[in-house]
Amino acid sequence: AHLWFGDMVTMNWFNDVWMKEVFANFMADKSTGASSDKSVYDLKFLTGHFPAAYSVDRTLGANPIRQVLDNLQNAGMMYGPIIYDKAP
């Protein structure tokens, strides 16, 4: 999905890094879901995203989906289960 939609979902700055990651994961899931039974797909989507996201969301390590980045050297710290699993 990163390759398919490229600049359409690539942010100007890392404050919205969640958007490109969410969109890529969401579209990847949707494309695989189109070829499977809807009830199986919905369950797989739920079990594939919710446990990882909410296990972090209930801890002190939780962070908002949209984050402010003041220094580009810290961009790698923005990625994790909240971005990849909760946002979709």
Protein backbone atom coordinates (compact mmCIF):
# COMPACT_ATOMS: atom_id res chain seq x y z
CA ALA A 1 0.00 0.00 0.00
CA HIS A 2 2.96 2.35 0.57
CA LEU A 3 3.94 1.82 -3.05
CA TRP A 4 0.42 2.08 -4.43
CA PHE A 5 -0.57 5.32 -2.72
CA GLY A 6 2.86 6.89 -2.04
CA ASP A 7 2.58 10.66 -1.92
CA MET A 8 -1.16 10.58 -1.28
CA VAL A 9 -0.59 9.42 2.29
CA THR A 10 2.99 10.52 2.94
CA MET A 11 3.03 13.29 5.49
CA ASN A 12 4.94 16.56 5.20
CA TRP A 13 6.47 15.98 8.64
CA PHE A 14 6.45 13.11 11.09
CA ASN A 15 3.61 14.47 13.24
CA ASP A 16 1.25 12.45 11.07
CA VAL A 17 3.39 9.33 10.65
CA TRP A 18 0.40 7.31 11.85
CA MET A 19 -1.53 8.19 8.68
CA LYS A 20 0.83 6.50 6.24
CA GLU A 21 1.28 3.45 8.47
CA VAL A 22 -2.42 3.12 9.21
CA PHE A 23 -3.36 3.49 5.59
CA ALA A 24 -0.78 0.95 4.44
CA ASN A 25 -1.84 -1.62 7.02
CA PHE A 26 -5.53 -0.97 6.47
CA MET A 27 -5.25 -1.36 2.71
CA ALA A 28 -3.11 -4.48 3.07
CA ASP A 29 -5.77 -5.99 5.33
CA LYS A 30 -8.58 -4.91 3.02
CA SER A 31 -6.89 -6.41 -0.03
CA THR A 32 -6.46 -9.77 1.69
CA GLY A 33 -9.98 -9.55 3.11
CA ALA A 34 -11.51 -9.25 -0.33
CA SER A 35 -10.53 -12.82 -1.11
CA SER A 36 -11.81 -14.39 2.11
CA ASP A 37 -15.05 -14.99 3.95
CA LYS A 38 -16.19 -11.70 5.55
CA SER A 39 -16.85 -13.21 8.97
CA VAL A 40 -13.40 -14.83 9.00
CA TYR A 41 -11.78 -11.60 7.80
CA ASP A 42 -13.53 -9.47 10.44
CA LEU A 43 -12.42 -11.82 13.21
CA LYS A 44 -8.86 -11.94 11.87
CA PHE A 45 -8.75 -8.12 11.68
CA LEU A 46 -10.00 -7.82 15.24
CA THR A 47 -7.65 -10.41 16.71
CA GLY A 48 -4.73 -9.19 14.64
CA HIS A 49 -4.95 -5.55 15.76
CA PHE A 50 -6.81 -5.08 19.03
CA PRO A 51 -4.81 -7.22 21.52
CA ALA A 52 -1.45 -5.69 20.55
CA ALA A 53 -2.76 -2.13 20.54
CA TYR A 54 -4.75 -2.27 23.74
CA SER A 55 -2.05 -4.15 25.65
CA VAL A 56 0.13 -1.06 25.19
CA ASP A 57 -2.73 1.44 25.46
CA ARG A 58 -3.39 0.37 29.06
CA THR A 59 0.19 1.06 30.18
CA LEU A 60 2.34 4.07 30.99
CA GLY A 61 3.97 3.53 27.58
CA ALA A 62 0.79 4.57 25.78
CA ASN A 63 0.99 7.51 23.43
CA PRO A 64 -1.46 9.41 21.25
CA ILE A 65 -1.86 8.29 17.66
CA ARG A 66 -0.87 11.76 16.43
CA GLN A 67 2.41 12.82 18.02
CA VAL A 68 4.51 15.96 17.81
CA LEU A 69 8.09 15.46 16.65
CA ASP A 70 10.53 18.26 17.42
CA ASN A 71 13.73 16.47 16.40
CA LEU A 72 14.01 14.18 13.36
CA GLN A 73 16.52 12.01 15.25
CA ASN A 74 13.61 10.79 17.42
CA ALA A 75 11.36 9.72 14.52
CA GLY A 76 12.02 6.02 15.16
CA MET A 77 10.46 6.35 18.62
CA MET A 78 7.06 7.12 17.11
CA TYR A 79 6.45 3.66 15.67
CA GLY A 80 4.87 0.82 17.61
CA PRO A 81 1.62 -1.03 18.34
CA ILE A 82 -0.37 2.18 18.83
CA ILE A 83 0.48 3.31 15.30
CA TYR A 84 0.31 -0.06 13.55
CA ASP A 85 -2.53 -1.76 15.43
CA LYS A 86 -4.78 0.74 17.21
CA ALA A 87 -5.12 3.31 14.48
CA PRO A 88 -6.60 0.97 11.81
